[in-house]
Amino acid sequence: MKITVITDEKGNVIGTARFPKRKAKGDPTYQPVAGHGQQVHEIELPSELENVQSAEALHRELKKYTPK
């Protein structure tokens, strides 16, 4: 599963977004936008993180998988 990750200038994960694989006709399109000093990365979400319940825990673990 792909996940979009937004990082700050220090590489800390500050936000994530998951989008459905398929959209119905007429569904809106969303795309995260990075602010000043931030970056947007699309990564393959490791299967062991697919059911993490806490955003804090997910962000901490995702930092290991985002480019520096």
N, C-alpha and C. Protein backbone atom coordinates (compact mmCIF):
# COMPACT_ATOMS: atom_id res chain seq x y z
N MET A 1 0.84 -1.16 0.00
CA MET A 1 0.00 0.00 0.00
C MET A 1 0.90 1.24 0.00
N LYS A 2 0.57 2.17 -0.85
CA LYS A 2 1.32 3.43 -0.93
C LYS A 2 0.77 4.40 0.12
N ILE A 3 1.67 5.20 0.66
CA ILE A 3 1.29 6.23 1.61
C ILE A 3 2.09 7.49 1.27
N THR A 4 1.44 8.63 1.41
CA THR A 4 2.11 9.90 1.20
C THR A 4 2.54 10.42 2.56
N VAL A 5 3.80 10.82 2.67
CA VAL A 5 4.38 11.27 3.93
C VAL A 5 4.92 12.68 3.74
N ILE A 6 4.60 13.57 4.66
CA ILE A 6 5.13 14.93 4.64
C ILE A 6 6.13 15.05 5.78
N THR A 7 7.33 15.54 5.45
CA THR A 7 8.38 15.71 6.45
C THR A 7 8.78 17.17 6.56
N ASP A 8 9.29 17.54 7.73
CA ASP A 8 9.79 18.90 7.91
C ASP A 8 11.25 18.97 7.49
N GLU A 9 11.87 20.12 7.70
CA GLU A 9 13.25 20.32 7.25
C GLU A 9 14.25 19.43 7.98
N LYS A 10 13.86 18.86 9.12
CA LYS A 10 14.74 17.96 9.86
C LYS A 10 14.47 16.49 9.56
N GLY A 11 13.51 16.22 8.68
CA GLY A 11 13.16 14.85 8.34
C GLY A 11 12.13 14.22 9.24
N ASN A 12 11.56 15.01 10.17
CA ASN A 12 10.50 14.51 11.04
C ASN A 12 9.20 14.39 10.26
N VAL A 13 8.48 13.31 10.46
CA VAL A 13 7.19 13.12 9.80
C VAL A 13 6.17 14.01 10.50
N ILE A 14 5.52 14.86 9.72
CA ILE A 14 4.53 15.77 10.30
C ILE A 14 3.12 15.50 9.78
N GLY A 15 2.99 14.62 8.79
CA GLY A 15 1.67 14.27 8.28
C GLY A 15 1.73 13.12 7.31
N THR A 16 0.60 12.45 7.18
CA THR A 16 0.49 11.34 6.23
C THR A 16 -0.87 11.39 5.55
N ALA A 17 -0.98 10.74 4.42
CA ALA A 17 -2.25 10.61 3.72
C ALA A 17 -2.25 9.28 2.98
N ARG A 18 -3.38 8.61 3.06
CA ARG A 18 -3.58 7.38 2.29
C ARG A 18 -4.78 7.61 1.38
N PHE A 19 -4.64 7.21 0.16
CA PHE A 19 -5.71 7.42 -0.81
C PHE A 19 -6.18 6.07 -1.33
N PRO A 20 -7.46 5.97 -1.69
CA PRO A 20 -7.97 4.71 -2.23
C PRO A 20 -7.26 4.35 -3.54
N LYS A 21 -7.11 3.05 -3.77
CA LYS A 21 -6.47 2.60 -5.01
C LYS A 21 -7.32 2.95 -6.22
N ARG A 22 -8.63 2.88 -6.04
CA ARG A 22 -9.53 3.17 -7.16
C ARG A 22 -10.49 4.28 -6.76
N LYS A 23 -10.73 5.15 -7.70
CA LYS A 23 -11.69 6.23 -7.48
C LYS A 23 -12.89 6.01 -8.38
N ALA A 24 -14.04 6.40 -7.87
CA ALA A 24 -15.24 6.37 -8.70
C ALA A 24 -15.25 7.62 -9.58
N LYS A 25 -15.91 7.52 -10.71
CA LYS A 25 -16.00 8.66 -11.61
C LYS A 25 -16.63 9.84 -10.87
N GLY A 26 -15.99 10.99 -10.97
CA GLY A 26 -16.50 12.19 -10.33
C GLY A 26 -15.97 12.41 -8.92
N ASP A 27 -15.23 11.45 -8.36
CA ASP A 27 -14.64 11.65 -7.03
C ASP A 27 -13.62 12.79 -7.10
N PRO A 28 -13.52 13.58 -6.04
CA PRO A 28 -12.51 14.64 -6.04
C PRO A 28 -11.10 14.08 -5.98
N THR A 29 -10.15 14.86 -6.41
CA THR A 29 -8.74 14.49 -6.36
C THR A 29 -8.06 15.37 -5.33
N TYR A 30 -7.28 14.73 -4.46
CA TYR A 30 -6.55 15.45 -3.41
C TYR A 30 -5.07 15.19 -3.58
N GLN A 31 -4.28 16.18 -3.23
CA GLN A 31 -2.83 16.03 -3.27
C GLN A 31 -2.23 16.89 -2.16
N PRO A 32 -1.51 16.27 -1.21
CA PRO A 32 -0.87 17.06 -0.16
C PRO A 32 0.15 18.02 -0.76
N VAL A 33 0.25 19.19 -0.17
CA VAL A 33 1.20 20.21 -0.61
C VAL A 33 2.13 20.52 0.55
N ALA A 34 3.42 20.48 0.28
CA ALA A 34 4.42 20.78 1.31
C ALA A 34 4.54 22.28 1.49
N GLY A 35 4.71 22.68 2.74
CA GLY A 35 4.96 24.08 3.05
C GLY A 35 6.45 24.38 2.94
N HIS A 36 6.82 25.58 3.31
CA HIS A 36 8.22 26.00 3.25
C HIS A 36 9.09 25.06 4.10
N GLY A 37 10.13 24.51 3.50
CA GLY A 37 11.05 23.62 4.20
C GLY A 37 10.56 22.20 4.34
N GLN A 38 9.38 21.89 3.84
CA GLN A 38 8.83 20.54 3.94
C GLN A 38 8.98 19.80 2.62
N GLN A 39 8.86 18.47 2.70
CA GLN A 39 8.91 17.64 1.50
C GLN A 39 7.79 16.61 1.53
N VAL A 40 7.32 16.24 0.35
CA VAL A 40 6.30 15.19 0.22
C VAL A 40 6.98 13.97 -0.39
N HIS A 41 6.77 12.82 0.23
CA HIS A 41 7.34 11.56 -0.25
C HIS A 41 6.20 10.55 -0.42
N GLU A 42 6.29 9.74 -1.45
CA GLU A 42 5.36 8.63 -1.58
C GLU A 42 6.18 7.36 -1.39
N ILE A 43 5.81 6.56 -0.39
CA ILE A 43 6.56 5.34 -0.09
C ILE A 43 5.60 4.16 -0.02
N GLU A 44 6.17 3.00 -0.13
CA GLU A 44 5.40 1.77 0.08
C GLU A 44 5.34 1.54 1.59
N LEU A 45 4.13 1.52 2.13
CA LEU A 45 3.95 1.34 3.56
C LEU A 45 4.30 -0.09 3.94
N PRO A 46 5.27 -0.29 4.84
CA PRO A 46 5.61 -1.64 5.27
C PRO A 46 4.39 -2.32 5.90
N SER A 47 4.18 -3.57 5.60
CA SER A 47 2.98 -4.27 6.06
C SER A 47 2.83 -4.25 7.58
N GLU A 48 3.94 -4.25 8.31
CA GLU A 48 3.85 -4.24 9.77
C GLU A 48 3.32 -2.91 10.31
N LEU A 49 3.24 -1.89 9.47
CA LEU A 49 2.72 -0.59 9.91
C LEU A 49 1.29 -0.33 9.45
N GLU A 50 0.70 -1.25 8.71
CA GLU A 50 -0.64 -1.01 8.16
C GLU A 50 -1.73 -0.88 9.22
N ASN A 51 -1.56 -1.47 10.38
CA ASN A 51 -2.60 -1.43 11.40
C ASN A 51 -2.20 -0.65 12.64
N VAL A 52 -1.18 0.18 12.55
CA VAL A 52 -0.77 1.00 13.69
C VAL A 52 -1.91 1.97 13.99
N GLN A 53 -2.33 2.02 15.25
CA GLN A 53 -3.48 2.83 15.64
C GLN A 53 -3.12 4.27 16.00
N SER A 54 -1.93 4.49 16.49
CA SER A 54 -1.52 5.81 16.96
C SER A 54 -0.77 6.57 15.87
N ALA A 55 -1.20 7.80 15.59
CA ALA A 55 -0.49 8.62 14.61
C ALA A 55 0.94 8.87 15.06
N GLU A 56 1.13 9.07 16.36
CA GLU A 56 2.47 9.31 16.90
C GLU A 56 3.39 8.11 16.63
N ALA A 57 2.89 6.91 16.88
CA ALA A 57 3.69 5.71 16.63
C ALA A 57 3.95 5.53 15.14
N LEU A 58 2.96 5.79 14.31
CA LEU A 58 3.14 5.66 12.87
C LEU A 58 4.19 6.64 12.38
N HIS A 59 4.11 7.89 12.80
CA HIS A 59 5.08 8.90 12.37
C HIS A 59 6.49 8.53 12.81
N ARG A 60 6.63 8.05 14.02
CA ARG A 60 7.94 7.66 14.53
C ARG A 60 8.54 6.54 13.67
N GLU A 61 7.74 5.54 13.33
CA GLU A 61 8.22 4.41 12.54
C GLU A 61 8.46 4.80 11.08
N LEU A 62 7.62 5.65 10.52
CA LEU A 62 7.78 6.05 9.12
C LEU A 62 9.06 6.83 8.88
N LYS A 63 9.56 7.52 9.90
CA LYS A 63 10.80 8.28 9.74
C LYS A 63 11.93 7.39 9.24
N LYS A 64 11.89 6.10 9.62
CA LYS A 64 12.92 5.14 9.21
C LYS A 64 12.87 4.84 7.70
N TYR A 65 11.72 5.11 7.07
CA TYR A 65 11.51 4.72 5.68
C TYR A 65 11.49 5.91 4.71
N THR A 66 11.61 7.13 5.22
CA THR A 66 11.57 8.29 4.33
C THR A 66 12.97 8.75 3.98
N PRO A 67 13.17 9.20 2.76
CA PRO A 67 14.49 9.69 2.36
C PRO A 67 14.89 10.90 3.19
N LYS A 68 16.17 11.05 3.41
CA LYS A 68 16.68 12.19 4.19
C LYS A 68 16.88 13.38 3.29
